[in-house]
Amino acid sequence: MSNAGTWLIDLDGVVWLSGEEIKGSAAALDRLRNAGESLLFVTNNSAPTVEQLLQRLAGVGITATRNEVLTAAQAAASLIEPHGTAVCLADGGVREALEERSITVTTDPDADAVIVGWTQALSYDTIATAATAVRGGARFIGTNPDATHPTPRGLMPGTGAIIAAVEVASGRSAEYAGKPNQPMAKMVLERAAKISMVVGDQVVTDGAFAQLLGVPFTLVLSGVDRVAGPFTASADRLEIVVDRWLEAR
C-alpha cells in the first residue's frame, strides 16, 4: 500500500514479560503485516544479542529478520569510531555490537570509551574499572536510562541503576544512546521512511522517543507504566492498540 508505514514496537512489557507472550501480541502483529504495515522492534534491552532476540520472538510466534530489530546496544556502539577501544560493563548484546564495528573490548583505563548496559555480572571490580576509565577521560556511554524493567514478578533494577553506580564513582554523567535519544532515532530513520505508530510501556522513554520523531504514540499498560497520563493515548495491551487502529482506518 502506498500509505503503509512502519510500527516501532518495544519488546519488554509490550510483546512479552521475561519471554512470556503478553496475550494476543503475535496475532496482532500478524494483522498489522497483513494490512501492509512494516514492523521494527526497538528495544532498550542491551543484554541479548540480535540472534537471541530473534529466537525469543520466534518462541512467541513472531517471525522477524535481523533488519527488523534495533537495540540500545547497537545505538551505543555507533557512538564509537570503528577500530577503537572500549571498557564494557554490559552483556552479550553490547559486546556483539562492538565486535561488528571492530571495537576492541579492554580493561585498559586509557580506553576510548566506557559503555554501561544491563548486566548481572556486576561487582565492585567491574564498577571500579569503568569508573577509573571514565575519570581518565574515556567517553562515558550508557545504553539507556531505564531505572527498572518489567517482569512477571514485578519491576526489577534496570540499566539506569547500574549506570548510576558508575556516575557516582566517577563523578561524571553518562550520555545515553537508546530511546529516547538521538543515536537511536538516527538508526530508526535509516530503516523507516514513514512511521505509523510507536508502541511502548513507558512514557519517559517510548513516549519521549515518539515526540522526538514527531510521530503518534500509544502507551500499553502491560509493562512499567500502569496508569496513563491525561494526554496519553493508552490501551491495556498491544492487541487492543492494533485492533483500534485497524478499525479506525
C-alpha atoms as a PDB file:
ATOM      1  CA  MET A   1       0.000   0.000   0.000  1.00  0.00           C
ATOM      2  CA  SER A   2       1.284   3.477  -0.857  1.00  0.00           C
ATOM      3  CA  ASN A   3       0.291   4.868   2.533  1.00  0.00           C
ATOM      4  CA  ALA A   4       1.775   1.989   4.522  1.00  0.00           C
ATOM      5  CA  GLY A   5       4.237   2.794   7.260  1.00  0.00           C
ATOM      6  CA  THR A   6       6.326   1.209   9.987  1.00  0.00           C
ATOM      7  CA  TRP A   7       5.328   0.454  13.571  1.00  0.00           C
ATOM      8  CA  LEU A   8       8.066   0.859  16.178  1.00  0.00           C
ATOM      9  CA  ILE A   9       7.344  -1.818  18.776  1.00  0.00           C
ATOM     10  CA  ASP A  10       9.034  -2.097  22.163  1.00  0.00           C
ATOM     11  CA  LEU A  11       9.574  -5.650  23.434  1.00  0.00           C
ATOM     12  CA  ASP A  12       9.754  -5.888  27.247  1.00  0.00           C
ATOM     13  CA  GLY A  13       6.347  -5.070  28.670  1.00  0.00           C
ATOM     14  CA  VAL A  14       4.769  -4.813  25.205  1.00  0.00           C
ATOM     15  CA  VAL A  15       5.313  -8.105  23.366  1.00  0.00           C
ATOM     16  CA  TRP A  16       6.418 -10.164  26.359  1.00  0.00           C
ATOM     17  CA  LEU A  17       7.285 -10.215  30.042  1.00  0.00           C
ATOM     18  CA  SER A  18      10.535 -12.143  30.599  1.00  0.00           C
ATOM     19  CA  GLY A  19       9.953 -14.002  27.346  1.00  0.00           C
ATOM     20  CA  GLU A  20       6.335 -14.913  28.093  1.00  0.00           C
ATOM     21  CA  GLU A  21       3.995 -13.533  25.433  1.00  0.00           C
ATOM     22  CA  ILE A  22       1.551 -10.871  26.519  1.00  0.00           C
ATOM     23  CA  LYS A  23      -1.829 -12.138  25.370  1.00  0.00           C
ATOM     24  CA  GLY A  24      -2.587 -11.593  21.685  1.00  0.00           C
ATOM     25  CA  SER A  25       0.673  -9.858  20.723  1.00  0.00           C
ATOM     26  CA  ALA A  26       1.777 -12.259  17.982  1.00  0.00           C
ATOM     27  CA  ALA A  27      -1.650 -12.393  16.339  1.00  0.00           C
ATOM     28  CA  ALA A  28      -1.943  -8.598  16.472  1.00  0.00           C
ATOM     29  CA  LEU A  29       1.386  -8.148  14.707  1.00  0.00           C
ATOM     30  CA  ASP A  30       0.308 -10.625  12.041  1.00  0.00           C
ATOM     31  CA  ARG A  31      -2.769  -8.466  11.406  1.00  0.00           C
ATOM     32  CA  LEU A  32      -0.549  -5.393  11.006  1.00  0.00           C
ATOM     33  CA  ARG A  33       1.659  -7.156   8.476  1.00  0.00           C
ATOM     34  CA  ASN A  34      -1.412  -8.366   6.583  1.00  0.00           C
ATOM     35  CA  ALA A  35      -2.589  -4.752   6.447  1.00  0.00           C
ATOM     36  CA  GLY A  36       0.656  -3.797   4.708  1.00  0.00           C
ATOM     37  CA  GLU A  37       2.436  -2.271   7.699  1.00  0.00           C
ATOM     38  CA  SER A  38       6.102  -2.942   8.424  1.00  0.00           C
ATOM     39  CA  LEU A  39       7.474  -3.710  11.884  1.00  0.00           C
ATOM     40  CA  LEU A  40      10.631  -2.544  13.618  1.00  0.00           C
ATOM     41  CA  PHE A  41      11.290  -3.900  17.102  1.00  0.00           C
ATOM     42  CA  VAL A  42      13.120  -1.160  19.010  1.00  0.00           C
ATOM     43  CA  THR A  43      14.334  -2.172  22.445  1.00  0.00           C
ATOM     44  CA  ASN A  44      16.362  -0.560  25.190  1.00  0.00           C
ATOM     45  CA  ASN A  45      17.327  -4.009  26.439  1.00  0.00           C
ATOM     46  CA  SER A  46      21.021  -4.159  25.583  1.00  0.00           C
ATOM     47  CA  ALA A  47      21.753  -7.572  27.123  1.00  0.00           C
ATOM     48  CA  PRO A  48      20.598 -10.055  24.416  1.00  0.00           C
ATOM     49  CA  THR A  49      22.277 -10.420  21.055  1.00  0.00           C
ATOM     50  CA  VAL A  50      20.156  -9.840  17.964  1.00  0.00           C
ATOM     51  CA  GLU A  51      20.018 -13.577  17.323  1.00  0.00           C
ATOM     52  CA  GLN A  52      18.787 -14.188  20.872  1.00  0.00           C
ATOM     53  CA  LEU A  53      16.022 -11.624  20.350  1.00  0.00           C
ATOM     54  CA  LEU A  54      15.029 -13.247  17.071  1.00  0.00           C
ATOM     55  CA  GLN A  55      14.837 -16.612  18.841  1.00  0.00           C
ATOM     56  CA  ARG A  56      12.697 -15.110  21.621  1.00  0.00           C
ATOM     57  CA  LEU A  57      10.382 -13.571  19.035  1.00  0.00           C
ATOM     58  CA  ALA A  58      10.104 -16.919  17.272  1.00  0.00           C
ATOM     59  CA  GLY A  59       9.363 -18.526  20.633  1.00  0.00           C
ATOM     60  CA  VAL A  60       6.193 -16.435  20.974  1.00  0.00           C
ATOM     61  CA  GLY A  61       5.173 -16.981  17.345  1.00  0.00           C
ATOM     62  CA  ILE A  62       6.658 -13.866  15.712  1.00  0.00           C
ATOM     63  CA  THR A  63       8.900 -14.208  12.664  1.00  0.00           C
ATOM     64  CA  ALA A  64      11.361 -11.343  12.189  1.00  0.00           C
ATOM     65  CA  THR A  65      14.615 -10.594  10.386  1.00  0.00           C
ATOM     66  CA  ARG A  66      17.805  -9.015  11.732  1.00  0.00           C
ATOM     67  CA  ASN A  67      16.899  -5.803   9.890  1.00  0.00           C
ATOM     68  CA  GLU A  68      13.675  -5.609  11.908  1.00  0.00           C
ATOM     69  CA  VAL A  69      15.468  -5.425  15.265  1.00  0.00           C
ATOM     70  CA  LEU A  70      17.202  -2.368  16.740  1.00  0.00           C
ATOM     71  CA  THR A  71      18.758  -2.307  20.195  1.00  0.00           C
ATOM     72  CA  ALA A  72      20.247   0.253  22.530  1.00  0.00           C
ATOM     73  CA  ALA A  73      23.448  -1.801  22.328  1.00  0.00           C
ATOM     74  CA  GLN A  74      23.732  -1.040  18.612  1.00  0.00           C
ATOM     75  CA  ALA A  75      22.987   2.634  19.208  1.00  0.00           C
ATOM     76  CA  ALA A  76      25.673   2.823  21.900  1.00  0.00           C
ATOM     77  CA  ALA A  77      28.286   1.111  19.731  1.00  0.00           C
ATOM     78  CA  SER A  78      27.516   3.530  16.886  1.00  0.00           C
ATOM     79  CA  LEU A  79      28.962   6.362  19.000  1.00  0.00           C
ATOM     80  CA  ILE A  80      32.470   4.871  18.949  1.00  0.00           C
ATOM     81  CA  GLU A  81      34.659   5.040  15.867  1.00  0.00           C
ATOM     82  CA  PRO A  82      35.437   1.662  14.293  1.00  0.00           C
ATOM     83  CA  HIS A  83      38.697   0.073  15.468  1.00  0.00           C
ATOM     84  CA  GLY A  84      38.565   1.957  18.765  1.00  0.00           C
ATOM     85  CA  THR A  85      38.665   0.523  22.285  1.00  0.00           C
ATOM     86  CA  ALA A  86      36.012   0.311  24.989  1.00  0.00           C
ATOM     87  CA  VAL A  87      35.603  -0.824  28.563  1.00  0.00           C
ATOM     88  CA  CYS A  88      32.362  -2.824  28.507  1.00  0.00           C
ATOM     89  CA  LEU A  89      30.228  -3.165  31.641  1.00  0.00           C
ATOM     90  CA  ALA A  90      27.418  -4.945  29.804  1.00  0.00           C
ATOM     91  CA  ASP A  91      26.285  -8.311  28.472  1.00  0.00           C
ATOM     92  CA  GLY A  92      26.398 -10.032  25.085  1.00  0.00           C
ATOM     93  CA  GLY A  93      24.303  -7.595  23.085  1.00  0.00           C
ATOM     94  CA  VAL A  94      26.758  -4.751  23.631  1.00  0.00           C
ATOM     95  CA  ARG A  95      29.757  -6.978  23.034  1.00  0.00           C
ATOM     96  CA  GLU A  96      28.242  -8.186  19.756  1.00  0.00           C
ATOM     97  CA  ALA A  97      27.560  -4.617  18.624  1.00  0.00           C
ATOM     98  CA  LEU A  98      31.127  -3.582  19.457  1.00  0.00           C
ATOM     99  CA  GLU A  99      32.563  -6.556  17.584  1.00  0.00           C
ATOM    100  CA  GLU A 100      30.504  -5.675  14.495  1.00  0.00           C
ATOM    101  CA  ARG A 101      32.229  -2.263  14.484  1.00  0.00           C
ATOM    102  CA  SER A 102      35.688  -3.807  15.080  1.00  0.00           C
ATOM    103  CA  ILE A 103      35.920  -2.174  18.505  1.00  0.00           C
ATOM    104  CA  THR A 104      38.195  -3.937  20.989  1.00  0.00           C
ATOM    105  CA  VAL A 105      36.870  -4.615  24.485  1.00  0.00           C
ATOM    106  CA  THR A 106      39.515  -3.873  27.098  1.00  0.00           C
ATOM    107  CA  THR A 107      40.084  -3.201  30.802  1.00  0.00           C
ATOM    108  CA  ASP A 108      42.714  -0.576  29.984  1.00  0.00           C
ATOM    109  CA  PRO A 109      41.829   2.749  31.673  1.00  0.00           C
ATOM    110  CA  ASP A 110      43.135   4.535  28.568  1.00  0.00           C
ATOM    111  CA  ALA A 111      40.220   3.165  26.513  1.00  0.00           C
ATOM    112  CA  ASP A 112      38.406   5.463  24.091  1.00  0.00           C
ATOM    113  CA  ALA A 113      35.046   4.833  25.743  1.00  0.00           C
ATOM    114  CA  VAL A 114      33.159   3.112  28.531  1.00  0.00           C
ATOM    115  CA  ILE A 115      29.818   1.529  27.678  1.00  0.00           C
ATOM    116  CA  VAL A 116      27.487   0.542  30.503  1.00  0.00           C
ATOM    117  CA  GLY A 117      24.432  -1.595  29.772  1.00  0.00           C
ATOM    118  CA  TRP A 118      22.249  -4.078  31.618  1.00  0.00           C
ATOM    119  CA  THR A 119      24.158  -6.950  33.185  1.00  0.00           C
ATOM    120  CA  GLN A 120      24.014  -9.303  36.128  1.00  0.00           C
ATOM    121  CA  ALA A 121      27.809  -9.621  36.078  1.00  0.00           C
ATOM    122  CA  LEU A 122      28.153  -6.602  38.307  1.00  0.00           C
ATOM    123  CA  SER A 123      30.790  -6.365  41.011  1.00  0.00           C
ATOM    124  CA  TYR A 124      32.917  -3.886  42.907  1.00  0.00           C
ATOM    125  CA  ASP A 125      35.792  -4.565  40.483  1.00  0.00           C
ATOM    126  CA  THR A 126      33.747  -4.017  37.317  1.00  0.00           C
ATOM    127  CA  ILE A 127      32.375  -0.731  38.648  1.00  0.00           C
ATOM    128  CA  ALA A 128      35.885   0.336  39.660  1.00  0.00           C
ATOM    129  CA  THR A 129      37.322  -0.474  36.228  1.00  0.00           C
ATOM    130  CA  ALA A 130      34.618   1.503  34.442  1.00  0.00           C
ATOM    131  CA  ALA A 131      34.811   4.475  36.810  1.00  0.00           C
ATOM    132  CA  THR A 132      38.612   4.648  36.548  1.00  0.00           C
ATOM    133  CA  ALA A 133      38.453   4.783  32.755  1.00  0.00           C
ATOM    134  CA  VAL A 134      35.756   7.473  32.870  1.00  0.00           C
ATOM    135  CA  ARG A 135      37.799   9.598  35.264  1.00  0.00           C
ATOM    136  CA  GLY A 136      40.735   9.160  32.903  1.00  0.00           C
ATOM    137  CA  GLY A 137      38.804  10.788  30.066  1.00  0.00           C
ATOM    138  CA  ALA A 138      37.026   7.918  28.313  1.00  0.00           C
ATOM    139  CA  ARG A 139      33.731   8.781  26.653  1.00  0.00           C
ATOM    140  CA  PHE A 140      31.002   7.599  29.062  1.00  0.00           C
ATOM    141  CA  ILE A 141      28.092   5.991  27.190  1.00  0.00           C
ATOM    142  CA  GLY A 142      25.008   4.491  28.798  1.00  0.00           C
ATOM    143  CA  THR A 143      22.870   2.264  26.619  1.00  0.00           C
ATOM    144  CA  ASN A 144      19.641   3.570  28.162  1.00  0.00           C
ATOM    145  CA  PRO A 145      18.351   5.359  31.267  1.00  0.00           C
ATOM    146  CA  ASP A 146      15.584   2.909  32.270  1.00  0.00           C
ATOM    147  CA  ALA A 147      15.649   2.635  36.048  1.00  0.00           C
ATOM    148  CA  THR A 148      13.632  -0.595  36.018  1.00  0.00           C
ATOM    149  CA  HIS A 149      12.454  -3.326  33.675  1.00  0.00           C
ATOM    150  CA  PRO A 150       9.201  -5.267  33.910  1.00  0.00           C
ATOM    151  CA  THR A 151       8.994  -8.978  34.745  1.00  0.00           C
ATOM    152  CA  PRO A 152       6.165 -11.303  35.797  1.00  0.00           C
ATOM    153  CA  ARG A 153       7.498 -10.841  39.373  1.00  0.00           C
ATOM    154  CA  GLY A 154       7.240  -7.066  39.149  1.00  0.00           C
ATOM    155  CA  LEU A 155       9.792  -4.343  38.419  1.00  0.00           C
ATOM    156  CA  MET A 156      13.466  -5.265  38.654  1.00  0.00           C
ATOM    157  CA  PRO A 157      16.508  -2.921  38.622  1.00  0.00           C
ATOM    158  CA  GLY A 158      17.283  -1.665  35.129  1.00  0.00           C
ATOM    159  CA  THR A 159      20.295  -0.275  33.315  1.00  0.00           C
ATOM    160  CA  GLY A 160      19.864   3.177  34.818  1.00  0.00           C
ATOM    161  CA  ALA A 161      20.531   1.756  38.268  1.00  0.00           C
ATOM    162  CA  ILE A 162      23.841   0.264  37.082  1.00  0.00           C
ATOM    163  CA  ILE A 163      24.875   3.437  35.288  1.00  0.00           C
ATOM    164  CA  ALA A 164      24.137   5.436  38.444  1.00  0.00           C
ATOM    165  CA  ALA A 165      26.797   3.467  40.327  1.00  0.00           C
ATOM    166  CA  VAL A 166      29.448   4.375  37.733  1.00  0.00           C
ATOM    167  CA  GLU A 167      28.288   8.002  37.668  1.00  0.00           C
ATOM    168  CA  VAL A 168      28.657   8.313  41.444  1.00  0.00           C
ATOM    169  CA  ALA A 169      32.040   6.550  41.455  1.00  0.00           C
ATOM    170  CA  SER A 170      33.454   8.586  38.550  1.00  0.00           C
ATOM    171  CA  GLY A 171      31.856  11.966  39.233  1.00  0.00           C
ATOM    172  CA  ARG A 172      30.686  12.206  35.618  1.00  0.00           C
ATOM    173  CA  SER A 173      27.310  11.803  33.952  1.00  0.00           C
ATOM    174  CA  ALA A 174      26.691   9.355  31.132  1.00  0.00           C
ATOM    175  CA  GLU A 175      25.396  10.235  27.693  1.00  0.00           C
ATOM    176  CA  TYR A 176      22.621   7.946  26.520  1.00  0.00           C
ATOM    177  CA  ALA A 177      22.238   6.154  23.210  1.00  0.00           C
ATOM    178  CA  GLY A 178      18.910   4.287  23.403  1.00  0.00           C
ATOM    179  CA  LYS A 179      15.353   5.606  23.497  1.00  0.00           C
ATOM    180  CA  PRO A 180      14.533   8.489  23.740  1.00  0.00           C
ATOM    181  CA  ASN A 181      17.845   9.782  22.417  1.00  0.00           C
ATOM    182  CA  GLN A 182      19.170  10.874  19.042  1.00  0.00           C
ATOM    183  CA  PRO A 183      21.520   7.930  18.319  1.00  0.00           C
ATOM    184  CA  MET A 184      18.582   5.509  18.378  1.00  0.00           C
ATOM    185  CA  ALA A 185      16.416   7.933  16.394  1.00  0.00           C
ATOM    186  CA  LYS A 186      19.120   8.161  13.716  1.00  0.00           C
ATOM    187  CA  MET A 187      19.200   4.379  13.357  1.00  0.00           C
ATOM    188  CA  VAL A 188      15.400   4.176  13.154  1.00  0.00           C
ATOM    189  CA  LEU A 189      15.238   6.793  10.417  1.00  0.00           C
ATOM    190  CA  GLU A 190      17.818   4.867   8.404  1.00  0.00           C
ATOM    191  CA  ARG A 191      15.372   1.935   8.266  1.00  0.00           C
ATOM    192  CA  ALA A 192      11.896   3.503   8.329  1.00  0.00           C
ATOM    193  CA  ALA A 193      10.867   6.157   5.813  1.00  0.00           C
ATOM    194  CA  LYS A 194       7.406   6.616   7.340  1.00  0.00           C
ATOM    195  CA  ILE A 195       6.428   5.789  10.919  1.00  0.00           C
ATOM    196  CA  SER A 196       2.795   4.975  11.663  1.00  0.00           C
ATOM    197  CA  MET A 197       2.995   4.430  15.420  1.00  0.00           C
ATOM    198  CA  VAL A 198       5.311   3.979  18.386  1.00  0.00           C
ATOM    199  CA  VAL A 199       4.057   1.499  20.988  1.00  0.00           C
ATOM    200  CA  GLY A 200       5.765   1.255  24.357  1.00  0.00           C
ATOM    201  CA  ASP A 201       5.230   0.751  28.062  1.00  0.00           C
ATOM    202  CA  GLN A 202       6.963   3.890  29.375  1.00  0.00           C
ATOM    203  CA  VAL A 203       6.070   7.494  28.727  1.00  0.00           C
ATOM    204  CA  VAL A 204       9.511   8.817  29.706  1.00  0.00           C
ATOM    205  CA  THR A 205      11.337   6.656  27.166  1.00  0.00           C
ATOM    206  CA  ASP A 206       8.936   5.405  24.479  1.00  0.00           C
ATOM    207  CA  GLY A 207       6.646   8.416  24.640  1.00  0.00           C
ATOM    208  CA  ALA A 208       9.532  10.873  24.554  1.00  0.00           C
ATOM    209  CA  PHE A 209      11.044   8.912  21.670  1.00  0.00           C
ATOM    210  CA  ALA A 210       7.833   9.295  19.660  1.00  0.00           C
ATOM    211  CA  GLN A 211       7.865  13.005  20.458  1.00  0.00           C
ATOM    212  CA  LEU A 212      11.473  13.295  19.242  1.00  0.00           C
ATOM    213  CA  LEU A 213      10.485  11.576  15.987  1.00  0.00           C
ATOM    214  CA  GLY A 214       7.278  13.614  15.669  1.00  0.00           C
ATOM    215  CA  VAL A 215       5.028  10.544  15.325  1.00  0.00           C
ATOM    216  CA  PRO A 216       1.989   9.086  17.160  1.00  0.00           C
ATOM    217  CA  PHE A 217       2.499   7.175  20.412  1.00  0.00           C
ATOM    218  CA  THR A 218       0.348   4.715  22.323  1.00  0.00           C
ATOM    219  CA  LEU A 219       1.167   3.557  25.834  1.00  0.00           C
ATOM    220  CA  VAL A 220       0.346  -0.021  26.781  1.00  0.00           C
ATOM    221  CA  LEU A 221      -0.358  -0.702  30.440  1.00  0.00           C
ATOM    222  CA  SER A 222       1.181  -4.169  30.426  1.00  0.00           C
ATOM    223  CA  GLY A 223       4.702  -3.130  31.454  1.00  0.00           C
ATOM    224  CA  VAL A 224       6.294  -0.413  33.591  1.00  0.00           C
ATOM    225  CA  ASP A 225       3.669   2.366  33.456  1.00  0.00           C
ATOM    226  CA  ARG A 226       0.329   1.044  34.710  1.00  0.00           C
ATOM    227  CA  VAL A 227      -1.532   4.366  34.615  1.00  0.00           C
ATOM    228  CA  ALA A 228      -1.779   6.654  31.599  1.00  0.00           C
ATOM    229  CA  GLY A 229      -1.362  10.401  31.865  1.00  0.00           C
ATOM    230  CA  PRO A 230      -4.200  12.731  30.881  1.00  0.00           C
ATOM    231  CA  PHE A 231      -2.757  13.434  27.411  1.00  0.00           C
ATOM    232  CA  THR A 232      -1.529   9.940  26.580  1.00  0.00           C
ATOM    233  CA  ALA A 233      -3.408   7.522  24.332  1.00  0.00           C
ATOM    234  CA  SER A 234      -3.358   4.178  26.072  1.00  0.00           C
ATOM    235  CA  ALA A 235      -4.605   0.596  25.961  1.00  0.00           C
ATOM    236  CA  ASP A 236      -4.237  -2.400  28.221  1.00  0.00           C
ATOM    237  CA  ARG A 237      -2.009  -4.267  25.744  1.00  0.00           C
ATOM    238  CA  LEU A 238      -0.666  -4.296  22.179  1.00  0.00           C
ATOM    239  CA  GLU A 239      -3.544  -6.379  20.792  1.00  0.00           C
ATOM    240  CA  ILE A 240      -6.047  -3.648  21.664  1.00  0.00           C
ATOM    241  CA  VAL A 241      -3.850  -0.898  20.166  1.00  0.00           C
ATOM    242  CA  VAL A 242      -3.692  -2.742  16.843  1.00  0.00           C
ATOM    243  CA  ASP A 243      -7.399  -3.591  16.789  1.00  0.00           C
ATOM    244  CA  ARG A 244      -8.379   0.039  17.432  1.00  0.00           C
ATOM    245  CA  TRP A 245      -6.012   1.312  14.743  1.00  0.00           C
ATOM    246  CA  LEU A 246      -7.251  -1.162  12.137  1.00  0.00           C
ATOM    247  CA  GLU A 247     -10.886  -0.364  12.923  1.00  0.00           C
ATOM    248  CA  ALA A 248     -10.231   3.353  12.522  1.00  0.00           C
ATOM    249  CA  ARG A 249      -8.616   3.048   9.079  1.00  0.00           C
END
